[in-house]
Amino acid sequence: SMAFMRIMIPAINPAERAALLGAMKKDAPPEVFQ
């Protein structure tokens, strides 16, 4: 899962990054998000 995040994050635009990680910040355990 982390490996896929490493290739996706630099490839998507700022709005997409904010949406993807904003949802993760809301739903994932804090230590996983960090």
PDB file of all heavy atoms in Angstrom:
ATOM      1  N   SER A   1       0.840  -1.199   0.000  1.00  0.00           N
ATOM      2  CA  SER A   1       0.000   0.000   0.000  1.00  0.00           C
ATOM      3  C   SER A   1       0.877   1.251   0.000  1.00  0.00           C
ATOM      4  O   SER A   1       0.614   2.213  -0.738  1.00  0.00           O
ATOM      5  CB  SER A   1      -0.916  -0.011   1.226  1.00  0.00           C
ATOM      6  OG  SER A   1      -1.754   1.112   1.236  1.00  0.00           O
ATOM      7  N   MET A   2       1.939   1.247   0.800  1.00  0.00           N
ATOM      8  CA  MET A   2       2.856   2.379   0.848  1.00  0.00           C
ATOM      9  C   MET A   2       3.569   2.553  -0.490  1.00  0.00           C
ATOM     10  O   MET A   2       3.779   3.683  -0.960  1.00  0.00           O
ATOM     11  CB  MET A   2       3.874   2.181   1.970  1.00  0.00           C
ATOM     12  CG  MET A   2       4.705   3.416   2.280  1.00  0.00           C
ATOM     13  SD  MET A   2       3.775   4.709   3.137  1.00  0.00           S
ATOM     14  CE  MET A   2       3.700   4.029   4.800  1.00  0.00           C
ATOM     15  N   ALA A   3       3.920   1.453  -1.133  1.00  0.00           N
ATOM     16  CA  ALA A   3       4.606   1.524  -2.427  1.00  0.00           C
ATOM     17  C   ALA A   3       3.715   2.162  -3.482  1.00  0.00           C
ATOM     18  O   ALA A   3       4.183   2.963  -4.308  1.00  0.00           O
ATOM     19  CB  ALA A   3       5.041   0.127  -2.860  1.00  0.00           C
ATOM     20  N   PHE A   4       2.442   1.823  -3.480  1.00  0.00           N
ATOM     21  CA  PHE A   4       1.522   2.450  -4.431  1.00  0.00           C
ATOM     22  C   PHE A   4       1.369   3.940  -4.125  1.00  0.00           C
ATOM     23  O   PHE A   4       1.316   4.768  -5.042  1.00  0.00           O
ATOM     24  CB  PHE A   4       0.157   1.759  -4.410  1.00  0.00           C
ATOM     25  CG  PHE A   4       0.066   0.565  -5.321  1.00  0.00           C
ATOM     26  CD1 PHE A   4       0.040  -0.718  -4.803  1.00  0.00           C
ATOM     27  CD2 PHE A   4       0.019   0.728  -6.693  1.00  0.00           C
ATOM     28  CE1 PHE A   4      -0.033  -1.826  -5.645  1.00  0.00           C
ATOM     29  CE2 PHE A   4      -0.060  -0.366  -7.544  1.00  0.00           C
ATOM     30  CZ  PHE A   4      -0.082  -1.647  -7.023  1.00  0.00           C
ATOM     31  N   MET A   5       1.317   4.309  -2.857  1.00  0.00           N
ATOM     32  CA  MET A   5       1.223   5.720  -2.510  1.00  0.00           C
ATOM     33  C   MET A   5       2.441   6.482  -3.011  1.00  0.00           C
ATOM     34  O   MET A   5       2.329   7.623  -3.485  1.00  0.00           O
ATOM     35  CB  MET A   5       1.083   5.886  -0.995  1.00  0.00           C
ATOM     36  CG  MET A   5      -0.233   5.409  -0.420  1.00  0.00           C
ATOM     37  SD  MET A   5      -1.653   6.347  -1.025  1.00  0.00           S
ATOM     38  CE  MET A   5      -1.386   7.929  -0.230  1.00  0.00           C
ATOM     39  N   ARG A   6       3.616   5.858  -2.947  1.00  0.00           N
ATOM     40  CA  ARG A   6       4.841   6.544  -3.375  1.00  0.00           C
ATOM     41  C   ARG A   6       4.823   6.884  -4.858  1.00  0.00           C
ATOM     42  O   ARG A   6       5.415   7.886  -5.274  1.00  0.00           O
ATOM     43  CB  ARG A   6       6.071   5.684  -3.058  1.00  0.00           C
ATOM     44  CG  ARG A   6       6.430   5.608  -1.595  1.00  0.00           C
ATOM     45  CD  ARG A   6       7.804   4.981  -1.379  1.00  0.00           C
ATOM     46  NE  ARG A   6       8.051   4.747   0.036  1.00  0.00           N
ATOM     47  CZ  ARG A   6       7.961   3.552   0.626  1.00  0.00           C
ATOM     48  NH1 ARG A   6       7.660   2.482  -0.090  1.00  0.00           N
ATOM     49  NH2 ARG A   6       8.184   3.429   1.910  1.00  0.00           N
ATOM     50  N   ILE A   7       4.185   6.036  -5.677  1.00  0.00           N
ATOM     51  CA  ILE A   7       4.149   6.362  -7.106  1.00  0.00           C
ATOM     52  C   ILE A   7       2.954   7.256  -7.452  1.00  0.00           C
ATOM     53  O   ILE A   7       3.014   8.014  -8.430  1.00  0.00           O
ATOM     54  CB  ILE A   7       4.161   5.107  -8.005  1.00  0.00           C
ATOM     55  CG1 ILE A   7       2.877   4.285  -7.866  1.00  0.00           C
ATOM     56  CG2 ILE A   7       5.408   4.266  -7.749  1.00  0.00           C
ATOM     57  CD1 ILE A   7       2.746   3.197  -8.919  1.00  0.00           C
ATOM     58  N   MET A   8       1.887   7.209  -6.657  1.00  0.00           N
ATOM     59  CA  MET A   8       0.700   7.998  -6.983  1.00  0.00           C
ATOM     60  C   MET A   8       0.844   9.461  -6.583  1.00  0.00           C
ATOM     61  O   MET A   8       0.472  10.361  -7.354  1.00  0.00           O
ATOM     62  CB  MET A   8      -0.543   7.397  -6.306  1.00  0.00           C
ATOM     63  CG  MET A   8      -1.000   6.088  -6.900  1.00  0.00           C
ATOM     64  SD  MET A   8      -2.657   5.582  -6.315  1.00  0.00           S
ATOM     65  CE  MET A   8      -2.367   5.403  -4.550  1.00  0.00           C
ATOM     66  N   ILE A   9       1.375   9.711  -5.389  1.00  0.00           N
ATOM     67  CA  ILE A   9       1.378  11.075  -4.839  1.00  0.00           C
ATOM     68  C   ILE A   9       2.083  12.080  -5.757  1.00  0.00           C
ATOM     69  O   ILE A   9       1.541  13.164  -6.030  1.00  0.00           O
ATOM     70  CB  ILE A   9       1.981  11.088  -3.423  1.00  0.00           C
ATOM     71  CG1 ILE A   9       1.050  10.359  -2.443  1.00  0.00           C
ATOM     72  CG2 ILE A   9       2.251  12.517  -2.956  1.00  0.00           C
ATOM     73  CD1 ILE A   9      -0.350  10.949  -2.351  1.00  0.00           C
ATOM     74  N   PRO A  10       3.286  11.782  -6.278  1.00  0.00           N
ATOM     75  CA  PRO A  10       3.916  12.778  -7.149  1.00  0.00           C
ATOM     76  C   PRO A  10       3.290  12.861  -8.536  1.00  0.00           C
ATOM     77  O   PRO A  10       3.592  13.779  -9.294  1.00  0.00           O
ATOM     78  CB  PRO A  10       5.369  12.294  -7.244  1.00  0.00           C
ATOM     79  CG  PRO A  10       5.285  10.825  -7.023  1.00  0.00           C
ATOM     80  CD  PRO A  10       4.170  10.626  -6.033  1.00  0.00           C
ATOM     81  N   ALA A  11       2.402  11.915  -8.869  1.00  0.00           N
ATOM     82  CA  ALA A  11       1.835  11.866 -10.221  1.00  0.00           C
ATOM     83  C   ALA A  11       0.486  12.552 -10.332  1.00  0.00           C
ATOM     84  O   ALA A  11       0.015  12.802 -11.445  1.00  0.00           O
ATOM     85  CB  ALA A  11       1.698  10.403 -10.668  1.00  0.00           C
ATOM     86  N   ILE A  12      -0.164  12.856  -9.203  1.00  0.00           N
ATOM     87  CA  ILE A  12      -1.476  13.474  -9.256  1.00  0.00           C
ATOM     88  C   ILE A  12      -1.367  14.973  -8.953  1.00  0.00           C
ATOM     89  O   ILE A  12      -0.356  15.441  -8.432  1.00  0.00           O
ATOM     90  CB  ILE A  12      -2.467  12.789  -8.291  1.00  0.00           C
ATOM     91  CG1 ILE A  12      -1.957  12.804  -6.850  1.00  0.00           C
ATOM     92  CG2 ILE A  12      -2.707  11.347  -8.731  1.00  0.00           C
ATOM     93  CD1 ILE A  12      -2.891  12.126  -5.840  1.00  0.00           C
ATOM     94  N   ASN A  13      -2.400  15.710  -9.323  1.00  0.00           N
ATOM     95  CA  ASN A  13      -2.320  17.164  -9.183  1.00  0.00           C
ATOM     96  C   ASN A  13      -2.638  17.601  -7.751  1.00  0.00           C
ATOM     97  O   ASN A  13      -3.087  16.796  -6.929  1.00  0.00           O
ATOM     98  CB  ASN A  13      -3.213  17.854 -10.224  1.00  0.00           C
ATOM     99  CG  ASN A  13      -4.696  17.575 -10.005  1.00  0.00           C
ATOM    100  OD1 ASN A  13      -5.205  17.647  -8.887  1.00  0.00           O
ATOM    101  ND2 ASN A  13      -5.399  17.262 -11.093  1.00  0.00           N
ATOM    102  N   PRO A  14      -2.383  18.874  -7.418  1.00  0.00           N
ATOM    103  CA  PRO A  14      -2.553  19.313  -6.028  1.00  0.00           C
ATOM    104  C   PRO A  14      -3.952  19.071  -5.461  1.00  0.00           C
ATOM    105  O   PRO A  14      -4.086  18.659  -4.303  1.00  0.00           O
ATOM    106  CB  PRO A  14      -2.225  20.808  -6.095  1.00  0.00           C
ATOM    107  CG  PRO A  14      -1.247  20.916  -7.229  1.00  0.00           C
ATOM    108  CD  PRO A  14      -1.734  19.909  -8.246  1.00  0.00           C
ATOM    109  N   ALA A  15      -4.991  19.312  -6.252  1.00  0.00           N
ATOM    110  CA  ALA A  15      -6.352  19.099  -5.762  1.00  0.00           C
ATOM    111  C   ALA A  15      -6.608  17.626  -5.486  1.00  0.00           C
ATOM    112  O   ALA A  15      -7.258  17.268  -4.483  1.00  0.00           O
ATOM    113  CB  ALA A  15      -7.364  19.639  -6.769  1.00  0.00           C
ATOM    114  N   GLU A  16      -6.086  16.759  -6.364  1.00  0.00           N
ATOM    115  CA  GLU A  16      -6.261  15.317  -6.168  1.00  0.00           C
ATOM    116  C   GLU A  16      -5.495  14.838  -4.938  1.00  0.00           C
ATOM    117  O   GLU A  16      -5.986  13.999  -4.182  1.00  0.00           O
ATOM    118  CB  GLU A  16      -5.796  14.559  -7.418  1.00  0.00           C
ATOM    119  CG  GLU A  16      -6.695  14.769  -8.621  1.00  0.00           C
ATOM    120  CD  GLU A  16      -6.079  14.313  -9.930  1.00  0.00           C
ATOM    121  OE1 GLU A  16      -4.832  14.209 -10.019  1.00  0.00           O
ATOM    122  OE2 GLU A  16      -6.848  14.073 -10.878  1.00  0.00           O
ATOM    123  N   ARG A  17      -4.298  15.371  -4.729  1.00  0.00           N
ATOM    124  CA  ARG A  17      -3.528  15.018  -3.529  1.00  0.00           C
ATOM    125  C   ARG A  17      -4.291  15.405  -2.266  1.00  0.00           C
ATOM    126  O   ARG A  17      -4.393  14.637  -1.310  1.00  0.00           O
ATOM    127  CB  ARG A  17      -2.182  15.746  -3.523  1.00  0.00           C
ATOM    128  CG  ARG A  17      -1.112  15.122  -4.365  1.00  0.00           C
ATOM    129  CD  ARG A  17       0.204  15.874  -4.202  1.00  0.00           C
ATOM    130  NE  ARG A  17       0.946  15.773  -5.438  1.00  0.00           N
ATOM    131  CZ  ARG A  17       1.441  16.791  -6.123  1.00  0.00           C
ATOM    132  NH1 ARG A  17       1.298  18.029  -5.677  1.00  0.00           N
ATOM    133  NH2 ARG A  17       2.091  16.588  -7.238  1.00  0.00           N
ATOM    134  N   ALA A  18      -4.806  16.628  -2.270  1.00  0.00           N
ATOM    135  CA  ALA A  18      -5.509  17.113  -1.082  1.00  0.00           C
ATOM    136  C   ALA A  18      -6.751  16.275  -0.806  1.00  0.00           C
ATOM    137  O   ALA A  18      -7.058  15.969   0.357  1.00  0.00           O
ATOM    138  CB  ALA A  18      -5.880  18.585  -1.266  1.00  0.00           C
ATOM    139  N   ALA A  19      -7.474  15.887  -1.872  1.00  0.00           N
ATOM    140  CA  ALA A  19      -8.680  15.079  -1.688  1.00  0.00           C
ATOM    141  C   ALA A  19      -8.338  13.686  -1.176  1.00  0.00           C
ATOM    142  O   ALA A  19      -8.961  13.175  -0.231  1.00  0.00           O
ATOM    143  CB  ALA A  19      -9.452  14.990  -3.001  1.00  0.00           C
ATOM    144  N   LEU A  20      -7.331  13.052  -1.797  1.00  0.00           N
ATOM    145  CA  LEU A  20      -6.939  11.699  -1.402  1.00  0.00           C
ATOM    146  C   LEU A  20      -6.440  11.656   0.033  1.00  0.00           C
ATOM    147  O   LEU A  20      -6.885  10.839   0.854  1.00  0.00           O
ATOM    148  CB  LEU A  20      -5.862  11.177  -2.355  1.00  0.00           C
ATOM    149  CG  LEU A  20      -5.237   9.824  -2.028  1.00  0.00           C
ATOM    150  CD1 LEU A  20      -6.284   8.720  -2.139  1.00  0.00           C
ATOM    151  CD2 LEU A  20      -4.066   9.531  -2.969  1.00  0.00           C
ATOM    152  N   LEU A  21      -5.535  12.569   0.359  1.00  0.00           N
ATOM    153  CA  LEU A  21      -4.939  12.542   1.686  1.00  0.00           C
ATOM    154  C   LEU A  21      -5.866  13.152   2.731  1.00  0.00           C
ATOM    155  O   LEU A  21      -5.797  12.781   3.909  1.00  0.00           O
ATOM    156  CB  LEU A  21      -3.594  13.254   1.658  1.00  0.00           C
ATOM    157  CG  LEU A  21      -2.536  12.498   0.839  1.00  0.00           C
ATOM    158  CD1 LEU A  21      -1.345  13.388   0.524  1.00  0.00           C
ATOM    159  CD2 LEU A  21      -2.081  11.241   1.563  1.00  0.00           C
ATOM    160  N   GLY A  22      -6.747  14.044   2.303  1.00  0.00           N
ATOM    161  CA  GLY A  22      -7.729  14.578   3.235  1.00  0.00           C
ATOM    162  C   GLY A  22      -8.680  13.486   3.712  1.00  0.00           C
ATOM    163  O   GLY A  22      -9.015  13.416   4.905  1.00  0.00           O
ATOM    164  N   ALA A  23      -9.090  12.620   2.783  1.00  0.00           N
ATOM    165  CA  ALA A  23      -9.950  11.494   3.165  1.00  0.00           C
ATOM    166  C   ALA A  23      -9.208  10.526   4.073  1.00  0.00           C
ATOM    167  O   ALA A  23      -9.776  10.000   5.045  1.00  0.00           O
ATOM    168  CB  ALA A  23     -10.446  10.778   1.905  1.00  0.00           C
ATOM    169  N   MET A  24      -7.915  10.323   3.785  1.00  0.00           N
ATOM    170  CA  MET A  24      -7.122   9.425   4.626  1.00  0.00           C
ATOM    171  C   MET A  24      -6.934  10.015   6.021  1.00  0.00           C
ATOM    172  O   MET A  24      -7.021   9.302   7.026  1.00  0.00           O
ATOM    173  CB  MET A  24      -5.763   9.158   3.967  1.00  0.00           C
ATOM    174  CG  MET A  24      -4.884   8.227   4.761  1.00  0.00           C
ATOM    175  SD  MET A  24      -3.328   7.855   3.924  1.00  0.00           S
ATOM    176  CE  MET A  24      -3.926   6.861   2.562  1.00  0.00           C
ATOM    177  N   LYS A  25      -6.694  11.307   6.087  1.00  0.00           N
ATOM    178  CA  LYS A  25      -6.538  11.961   7.394  1.00  0.00           C
ATOM    179  C   LYS A  25      -7.792  11.807   8.228  1.00  0.00           C
ATOM    180  O   LYS A  25      -7.738  11.613   9.454  1.00  0.00           O
ATOM    181  CB  LYS A  25      -6.205  13.446   7.185  1.00  0.00           C
ATOM    182  CG  LYS A  25      -5.959  14.211   8.478  1.00  0.00           C
ATOM    183  CD  LYS A  25      -5.705  15.691   8.198  1.00  0.00           C
ATOM    184  CE  LYS A  25      -5.456  16.443   9.499  1.00  0.00           C
ATOM    185  NZ  LYS A  25      -5.317  17.908   9.269  1.00  0.00           N
ATOM    186  N   LYS A  26      -8.951  11.865   7.565  1.00  0.00           N
ATOM    187  CA  LYS A  26     -10.230  11.770   8.259  1.00  0.00           C
ATOM    188  C   LYS A  26     -10.534  10.351   8.734  1.00  0.00           C
ATOM    189  O   LYS A  26     -11.058  10.144   9.827  1.00  0.00           O
ATOM    190  CB  LYS A  26     -11.342  12.255   7.327  1.00  0.00           C
ATOM    191  CG  LYS A  26     -12.757  12.147   7.859  1.00  0.00           C
ATOM    192  CD  LYS A  26     -13.719  12.755   6.871  1.00  0.00           C
ATOM    193  CE  LYS A  26     -15.168  12.613   7.335  1.00  0.00           C
ATOM    194  NZ  LYS A  26     -15.632  11.204   7.236  1.00  0.00           N
ATOM    195  N   ASP A  27     -10.160   9.353   7.912  1.00  0.00           N
ATOM    196  CA  ASP A  27     -10.633   7.990   8.156  1.00  0.00           C
ATOM    197  C   ASP A  27      -9.582   7.034   8.719  1.00  0.00           C
ATOM    198  O   ASP A  27      -9.928   6.056   9.375  1.00  0.00           O
ATOM    199  CB  ASP A  27     -11.195   7.392   6.856  1.00  0.00           C
ATOM    200  CG  ASP A  27     -12.403   8.163   6.354  1.00  0.00           C
ATOM    201  OD1 ASP A  27     -13.124   8.733   7.191  1.00  0.00           O
ATOM    202  OD2 ASP A  27     -12.614   8.214   5.126  1.00  0.00           O
ATOM    203  N   ALA A  28      -8.297   7.284   8.424  1.00  0.00           N
ATOM    204  CA  ALA A  28      -7.256   6.333   8.833  1.00  0.00           C
ATOM    205  C   ALA A  28      -6.798   6.628  10.262  1.00  0.00           C
ATOM    206  O   ALA A  28      -6.899   7.759  10.744  1.00  0.00           O
ATOM    207  CB  ALA A  28      -6.071   6.409   7.875  1.00  0.00           C
ATOM    208  N   PRO A  29      -6.260   5.609  10.955  1.00  0.00           N
ATOM    209  CA  PRO A  29      -5.648   5.866  12.268  1.00  0.00           C
ATOM    210  C   PRO A  29      -4.548   6.913  12.133  1.00  0.00           C
ATOM    211  O   PRO A  29      -3.817   6.925  11.128  1.00  0.00           O
ATOM    212  CB  PRO A  29      -5.077   4.498  12.655  1.00  0.00           C
ATOM    213  CG  PRO A  29      -5.891   3.504  11.888  1.00  0.00           C
ATOM    214  CD  PRO A  29      -6.221   4.181  10.590  1.00  0.00           C
ATOM    215  N   PRO A  30      -4.402   7.815  13.104  1.00  0.00           N
ATOM    216  CA  PRO A  30      -3.413   8.896  12.995  1.00  0.00           C
ATOM    217  C   PRO A  30      -2.001   8.413  12.704  1.00  0.00           C
ATOM    218  O   PRO A  30      -1.270   9.041  11.932  1.00  0.00           O
ATOM    219  CB  PRO A  30      -3.500   9.589  14.361  1.00  0.00           C
ATOM    220  CG  PRO A  30      -4.874   9.287  14.849  1.00  0.00           C
ATOM    221  CD  PRO A  30      -5.203   7.914  14.345  1.00  0.00           C
ATOM    222  N   GLU A  31      -1.603   7.282  13.315  1.00  0.00           N
ATOM    223  CA  GLU A  31      -0.235   6.798  13.093  1.00  0.00           C
ATOM    224  C   GLU A  31      -0.038   6.290  11.672  1.00  0.00           C
ATOM    225  O   GLU A  31       1.064   6.417  11.101  1.00  0.00           O
ATOM    226  CB  GLU A  31       0.117   5.714  14.115  1.00  0.00           C
ATOM    227  CG  GLU A  31      -0.701   4.426  14.027  1.00  0.00           C
ATOM    228  CD  GLU A  31      -2.008   4.475  14.784  1.00  0.00           C
ATOM    229  OE1 GLU A  31      -2.418   5.584  15.210  1.00  0.00           O
ATOM    230  OE2 GLU A  31      -2.624   3.404  14.959  1.00  0.00           O
ATOM    231  N   VAL A  32      -1.091   5.749  11.073  1.00  0.00           N
ATOM    232  CA  VAL A  32      -1.003   5.292   9.683  1.00  0.00           C
ATOM    233  C   VAL A  32      -0.896   6.494   8.752  1.00  0.00           C
ATOM    234  O   VAL A  32      -0.061   6.530   7.836  1.00  0.00           O
ATOM    235  CB  VAL A  32      -2.224   4.420   9.319  1.00  0.00           C
ATOM    236  CG1 VAL A  32      -2.245   4.115   7.819  1.00  0.00           C
ATOM    237  CG2 VAL A  32      -2.211   3.132  10.129  1.00  0.00           C
ATOM    238  N   PHE A  33      -1.737   7.494   8.976  1.00  0.00           N
ATOM    239  CA  PHE A  33      -1.686   8.709   8.162  1.00  0.00           C
ATOM    240  C   PHE A  33      -0.318   9.374   8.269  1.00  0.00           C
ATOM    241  O   PHE A  33       0.264   9.783   7.260  1.00  0.00           O
ATOM    242  CB  PHE A  33      -2.784   9.674   8.598  1.00  0.00           C
ATOM    243  CG  PHE A  33      -2.743  10.987   7.873  1.00  0.00           C
ATOM    244  CD1 PHE A  33      -3.139  11.078   6.551  1.00  0.00           C
ATOM    245  CD2 PHE A  33      -2.293  12.133   8.514  1.00  0.00           C
ATOM    246  CE1 PHE A  33      -3.091  12.296   5.870  1.00  0.00           C
ATOM    247  CE2 PHE A  33      -2.232  13.351   7.853  1.00  0.00           C
ATOM    248  CZ  PHE A  33      -2.636  13.436   6.523  1.00  0.00           C
ATOM    249  N   GLN A  34       0.230   9.466   9.478  1.00  0.00           N
ATOM    250  CA  GLN A  34       1.524  10.116   9.647  1.00  0.00           C
ATOM    251  C   GLN A  34       2.628   9.337   8.952  1.00  0.00           C
ATOM    252  O   GLN A  34       3.563   9.928   8.379  1.00  0.00           O
ATOM    253  CB  GLN A  34       1.848  10.275  11.129  1.00  0.00           C
ATOM    254  CG  GLN A  34       3.048  11.178  11.387  1.00  0.00           C
ATOM    255  CD  GLN A  34       2.851  12.583  10.854  1.00  0.00           C
ATOM    256  OE1 GLN A  34       1.821  13.206  11.089  1.00  0.00           O
ATOM    257  NE2 GLN A  34       3.836  13.082  10.098  1.00  0.00           N
TER     258      GLN A  34
END
